[in-house]
N, C-alpha and C. Protein backbone atom coordinates (compact mmCIF):
# COMPACT_ATOMS: atom_id res chain seq x y z
N MET A 1 -13.70 -15.53 -5.44
CA MET A 1 -13.11 -15.25 -6.77
C MET A 1 -13.56 -13.74 -7.50
N PRO A 2 -13.20 -12.88 -7.79
CA PRO A 2 -13.41 -11.75 -8.37
C PRO A 2 -13.68 -12.28 -10.10
N ASN A 3 -15.27 -11.47 -10.31
CA ASN A 3 -15.46 -11.48 -11.47
C ASN A 3 -14.67 -10.47 -12.50
N GLY A 4 -15.00 -10.67 -13.84
CA GLY A 4 -14.22 -9.70 -14.78
C GLY A 4 -14.24 -8.41 -14.35
N TYR A 5 -15.45 -7.70 -14.13
CA TYR A 5 -15.47 -6.74 -13.96
C TYR A 5 -14.55 -6.29 -12.49
N GLN A 6 -14.63 -6.96 -11.77
CA GLN A 6 -13.71 -6.65 -10.29
C GLN A 6 -12.19 -6.86 -10.38
N ARG A 7 -11.84 -7.68 -11.53
CA ARG A 7 -10.43 -7.62 -11.96
C ARG A 7 -9.84 -6.75 -12.75
N TRP A 8 -10.94 -6.21 -13.62
CA TRP A 8 -10.36 -4.92 -14.46
C TRP A 8 -10.49 -3.53 -13.49
N ARG A 9 -11.27 -3.70 -12.21
CA ARG A 9 -11.39 -2.77 -11.45
C ARG A 9 -10.14 -2.78 -10.73
N MET A 10 -9.53 -3.76 -10.26
CA MET A 10 -8.43 -3.55 -9.48
C MET A 10 -6.99 -3.34 -10.59
N ILE A 11 -7.21 -3.81 -11.69
CA ILE A 11 -5.73 -3.45 -12.52
C ILE A 11 -5.94 -1.85 -12.74
N TRP A 12 -7.27 -1.49 -12.89
CA TRP A 12 -7.56 0.24 -13.37
C TRP A 12 -6.98 0.95 -12.16
N ASN A 13 -7.22 0.45 -10.94
CA ASN A 13 -6.77 1.33 -9.89
C ASN A 13 -5.39 1.00 -9.25
N ILE A 14 -4.41 0.22 -9.97
CA ILE A 14 -2.85 0.39 -9.69
C ILE A 14 -2.20 1.86 -9.56
N PRO A 15 -2.66 2.55 -10.60
CA PRO A 15 -1.79 3.98 -10.68
C PRO A 15 -2.25 4.70 -9.42
N ARG A 16 -3.47 4.70 -9.08
CA ARG A 16 -4.02 5.44 -8.14
C ARG A 16 -3.27 4.80 -6.71
N LEU A 17 -3.30 3.52 -6.47
CA LEU A 17 -2.61 2.64 -5.51
C LEU A 17 -1.31 2.96 -5.43
N LEU A 18 -0.55 3.12 -6.73
CA LEU A 18 0.97 3.59 -6.77
C LEU A 18 1.08 5.09 -6.16
N LYS A 19 0.08 5.96 -6.68
CA LYS A 19 -0.04 7.31 -5.89
C LYS A 19 0.03 7.69 -4.63
N LYS A 20 -0.97 7.01 -4.23
CA LYS A 20 -1.13 6.89 -2.90
C LYS A 20 0.25 6.58 -1.85
N GLY A 21 0.32 5.22 -2.33
CA GLY A 21 1.28 4.84 -1.52
C GLY A 21 2.96 5.82 -1.57
N TRP A 22 3.15 6.02 -2.76
CA TRP A 22 4.44 6.73 -2.83
C TRP A 22 3.96 8.22 -1.82
N ARG A 23 3.02 8.87 -1.64
CA ARG A 23 2.64 10.05 -1.12
C ARG A 23 2.53 9.92 0.34
N TYR A 24 2.35 8.51 0.42
CA TYR A 24 2.12 8.06 2.15
C TYR A 24 3.63 7.96 2.78
N LEU A 25 4.50 7.34 1.85
CA LEU A 25 5.89 6.83 2.32
C LEU A 25 6.64 8.38 2.38
N ARG A 26 6.14 9.51 1.50
CA ARG A 26 6.58 10.59 1.77
C ARG A 26 6.35 11.48 3.30
N ASP A 27 5.17 11.26 3.63
CA ASP A 27 4.47 11.86 4.60
C ASP A 27 4.98 11.66 5.99
N ASP A 28 5.15 12.40 6.92
CA ASP A 28 5.79 12.33 8.08
C ASP A 28 4.92 11.87 9.17
N SER A 29 3.42 12.42 8.71
CA SER A 29 2.51 11.60 9.78
C SER A 29 2.09 10.16 9.66
N VAL A 30 2.56 9.61 8.52
CA VAL A 30 2.45 8.03 8.38
C VAL A 30 3.63 7.26 9.39
N SER A 31 3.20 6.14 10.38
CA SER A 31 4.18 5.53 11.11
C SER A 31 5.22 5.27 10.49
N PHE A 32 6.57 5.53 10.87
CA PHE A 32 7.67 4.95 10.48
C PHE A 32 7.56 3.25 10.46
N TRP A 33 7.02 2.80 11.21
CA TRP A 33 7.16 1.39 11.36
C TRP A 33 6.20 0.63 10.30
N HIS A 34 5.08 1.23 9.99
CA HIS A 34 4.48 1.16 8.80
C HIS A 34 5.11 0.93 7.46
N LYS A 35 5.89 2.27 7.56
CA LYS A 35 7.00 2.28 6.18
C LYS A 35 7.93 1.33 6.28
N THR A 36 8.43 1.12 7.32
CA THR A 36 9.70 0.30 7.39
C THR A 36 9.28 -1.31 6.93
N LEU A 37 8.06 -1.69 7.32
CA LEU A 37 7.38 -2.86 7.13
C LEU A 37 7.23 -3.14 5.83
N LEU A 38 6.68 -2.05 5.15
CA LEU A 38 6.31 -2.21 3.77
C LEU A 38 7.68 -2.65 2.85
N LEU A 39 8.60 -1.55 3.27
CA LEU A 39 9.85 -1.65 2.51
C LEU A 39 10.63 -2.75 2.53
N SER A 40 10.78 -3.18 3.78
CA SER A 40 11.41 -4.42 4.11
C SER A 40 10.84 -5.78 3.43
N ALA A 41 9.47 -5.88 4.11
CA ALA A 41 8.59 -6.84 3.20
C ALA A 41 8.68 -7.24 2.10
N SER A 42 8.60 -5.99 0.99
CA SER A 42 8.66 -5.96 -0.27
C SER A 42 10.25 -6.24 -0.92
N ILE A 43 11.37 -5.50 -0.46
CA ILE A 43 12.57 -5.95 -0.64
C ILE A 43 12.90 -7.62 -0.25
N GLY A 44 12.29 -7.68 0.75
CA GLY A 44 12.66 -9.39 1.15
C GLY A 44 11.88 -10.26 0.62
N TYR A 45 10.83 -9.90 -0.07
CA TYR A 45 10.27 -11.10 -0.72
C TYR A 45 10.67 -11.08 -2.36
N ILE A 46 11.29 -10.05 -2.81
CA ILE A 46 11.95 -9.81 -4.04
C ILE A 46 13.32 -10.36 -3.67
N LEU A 47 14.07 -10.60 -2.95
CA LEU A 47 15.07 -11.12 -3.02
C LEU A 47 15.19 -12.44 -2.62
N TRP A 48 14.42 -12.81 -1.91
CA TRP A 48 14.24 -14.52 -1.46
C TRP A 48 14.22 -15.33 -2.34
N PRO A 49 14.93 -15.84 -2.01
CA PRO A 49 15.19 -17.43 -3.25
C PRO A 49 14.15 -18.30 -3.55
N LEU A 50 13.36 -18.58 -2.66
CA LEU A 50 11.97 -19.29 -2.55
C LEU A 50 10.79 -18.36 -2.91
N ASP A 51 10.03 -18.59 -3.99
CA ASP A 51 8.96 -18.27 -4.56
C ASP A 51 7.80 -19.05 -4.73
N LEU A 52 6.58 -18.28 -4.48
CA LEU A 52 5.21 -18.97 -4.91
C LEU A 52 5.63 -19.67 -6.04
N ILE A 53 5.77 -19.27 -7.26
CA ILE A 53 5.93 -19.72 -8.64
C ILE A 53 7.60 -19.69 -8.79
N PRO A 54 7.83 -20.71 -9.41
CA PRO A 54 9.41 -20.51 -9.70
C PRO A 54 9.63 -19.33 -10.84
N ASP A 55 11.01 -18.73 -10.71
CA ASP A 55 11.24 -17.86 -11.57
C ASP A 55 11.11 -18.19 -13.24
N ILE A 56 10.05 -18.71 -13.73
CA ILE A 56 10.06 -19.01 -15.09
C ILE A 56 9.87 -17.88 -15.79
N PRO A 57 10.69 -17.18 -17.02
CA PRO A 57 10.85 -15.94 -17.42
C PRO A 57 9.20 -15.18 -17.42
N VAL A 58 8.82 -13.96 -17.12
CA VAL A 58 7.91 -13.34 -17.28
C VAL A 58 6.59 -13.88 -15.58
N ILE A 59 6.29 -15.17 -15.99
CA ILE A 59 5.18 -15.90 -15.11
C ILE A 59 6.27 -15.86 -13.66
N GLY A 60 6.96 -16.02 -13.57
CA GLY A 60 7.64 -16.16 -12.48
C GLY A 60 7.76 -14.81 -11.62
N GLN A 61 7.98 -13.30 -12.54
CA GLN A 61 8.05 -12.47 -11.69
C GLN A 61 6.54 -12.01 -11.15
N LEU A 62 5.62 -12.33 -11.97
CA LEU A 62 4.10 -12.11 -11.42
C LEU A 62 3.62 -12.21 -9.85
N ASP A 63 4.42 -13.47 -9.48
CA ASP A 63 3.89 -13.76 -8.01
C ASP A 63 4.69 -12.49 -7.23
N ASP A 64 6.03 -12.25 -7.88
CA ASP A 64 6.81 -11.17 -6.58
C ASP A 64 5.89 -9.70 -6.99
N ILE A 65 5.38 -9.40 -8.04
CA ILE A 65 4.56 -8.14 -8.16
C ILE A 65 3.22 -8.16 -7.68
N GLY A 66 2.86 -9.38 -7.63
CA GLY A 66 1.72 -9.46 -6.95
C GLY A 66 1.58 -9.42 -5.15
N ILE A 67 2.63 -10.10 -4.88
CA ILE A 67 2.82 -9.63 -3.19
C ILE A 67 3.20 -8.44 -3.05
N VAL A 68 4.13 -7.92 -3.81
CA VAL A 68 4.21 -6.23 -3.57
C VAL A 68 2.92 -5.35 -3.58
N PHE A 69 2.04 -5.59 -4.60
CA PHE A 69 1.11 -4.88 -4.74
C PHE A 69 0.17 -5.16 -3.58
N LEU A 70 -0.13 -6.60 -2.91
CA LEU A 70 -0.90 -6.73 -1.57
C LEU A 70 -0.46 -5.97 -0.55
N LEU A 71 1.30 -6.19 -0.39
CA LEU A 71 1.78 -5.21 0.72
C LEU A 71 1.36 -3.63 0.51
N LEU A 72 1.57 -3.36 -0.74
CA LEU A 72 1.05 -1.86 -0.86
C LEU A 72 -0.12 -1.62 -0.71
N ASN A 73 -1.05 -2.32 -1.34
CA ASN A 73 -2.52 -1.97 -0.43
C ASN A 73 -2.76 -2.32 0.72
N TRP A 74 -1.82 -3.08 1.65
CA TRP A 74 -2.31 -3.15 2.89
C TRP A 74 -1.78 -1.77 3.56
N PHE A 75 -0.66 -1.40 3.21
CA PHE A 75 0.12 0.09 3.35
C PHE A 75 -0.55 1.14 3.37
N VAL A 76 -1.23 1.14 2.24
CA VAL A 76 -2.29 2.37 1.86
C VAL A 76 -3.58 2.38 2.82
N ASN A 77 -4.13 1.38 3.16
CA ASN A 77 -5.11 1.06 3.86
C ASN A 77 -4.83 1.36 4.99
N ARG A 78 -3.77 0.97 5.76
CA ARG A 78 -3.49 1.45 7.31
C ARG A 78 -3.11 2.87 7.00
N SER A 79 -2.47 3.21 6.13
CA SER A 79 -2.35 4.73 6.15
C SER A 79 -3.21 5.49 5.91
N GLU A 80 -3.97 5.19 5.22
CA GLU A 80 -5.06 6.07 5.17
C GLU A 80 -6.14 6.25 6.19
N LYS A 81 -6.30 5.38 7.11
CA LYS A 81 -7.13 5.35 8.27
C LYS A 81 -6.49 6.10 9.08
N GLY A 82 -5.13 5.97 9.48
CA GLY A 82 -4.42 7.15 10.32
C GLY A 82 -4.32 8.46 9.86
N PHE A 83 -4.08 8.38 8.26
CA PHE A 83 -4.25 9.74 7.72
C PHE A 83 -5.78 10.66 7.87
N ILE A 84 -6.71 9.65 7.68
CA ILE A 84 -8.01 10.32 7.80
C ILE A 84 -8.21 10.74 9.33
N GLU A 85 -7.73 9.62 10.73
CA GLU A 85 -7.85 9.94 11.84
C GLU A 85 -7.12 11.27 12.30
N ALA A 86 -6.07 11.43 11.58
CA ALA A 86 -5.02 12.77 12.02
C ALA A 86 -6.02 13.94 11.40
N GLU A 87 -6.54 13.98 10.15
CA GLU A 87 -7.35 14.92 9.49
C GLU A 87 -8.60 15.40 10.73
N TYR A 88 -9.19 14.36 10.95
CA TYR A 88 -10.35 14.45 11.64
C TYR A 88 -9.80 15.54 13.08
N ARG A 89 -8.66 14.73 13.99
CA ARG A 89 -8.31 15.54 15.12
C ARG A 89 -7.60 16.78 14.51
N ILE A 90 -7.31 17.05 13.22
CA ILE A 90 -7.00 18.71 12.99
C ILE A 90 -8.40 19.33 12.88
N HIS A 91 -9.10 18.89 12.20
CA HIS A 91 -10.61 19.85 12.19
C HIS A 91 -11.16 19.94 13.48
N ASP A 92 -11.08 18.92 14.37
CA ASP A 92 -11.71 19.29 15.84
C ASP A 92 -11.14 20.27 16.53
N MET A 93 -9.68 20.43 16.50
CA MET A 93 -8.69 21.09 17.10
C MET A 93 -9.38 22.42 16.44
N GLU A 94 -9.06 22.59 15.60
CA GLU A 94 -10.11 23.67 14.73
C GLU A 94 -11.07 24.61 15.14
N ASP A 95 -11.99 23.60 15.28
CA ASP A 95 -13.48 23.86 15.73
C ASP A 95 -13.17 24.22 17.21
N ASP A 96 -12.64 23.51 18.02
CA ASP A 96 -12.48 24.02 19.26
C ASP A 96 -11.56 25.46 19.57
N ASP A 97 -10.88 25.89 18.82
CA ASP A 97 -10.30 27.07 18.61
C ASP A 97 -11.07 28.26 18.68
N GLU A 98 -12.23 27.77 17.52
CA GLU A 98 -13.16 28.63 17.04
C GLU A 98 -14.33 29.19 18.14
N LYS A 99 -14.55 28.09 19.44
CA LYS A 99 -15.33 28.39 20.39
C LYS A 99 -15.03 29.27 21.16
């Protein structure tokens, strides 16, 4: 269970997570299947009639938002790994060209 500092840190990082997620969704080097899975799972969960918390005004939408942010966090972490690996490959190819 996160303590108070960790909870605020997670909330503070939401704008950064949204920016990275948007950037990776537009990036052609990120897997099409990761993008499709993120979008379909997010939209599917929001539209699914069964929720973890019933749709009581405000409180019921919090579980929807939480699940979408968990999916977005998964997507960013997966994309970041692929993105970093791609960057290393580009630099390795540049180093080979210089030799």
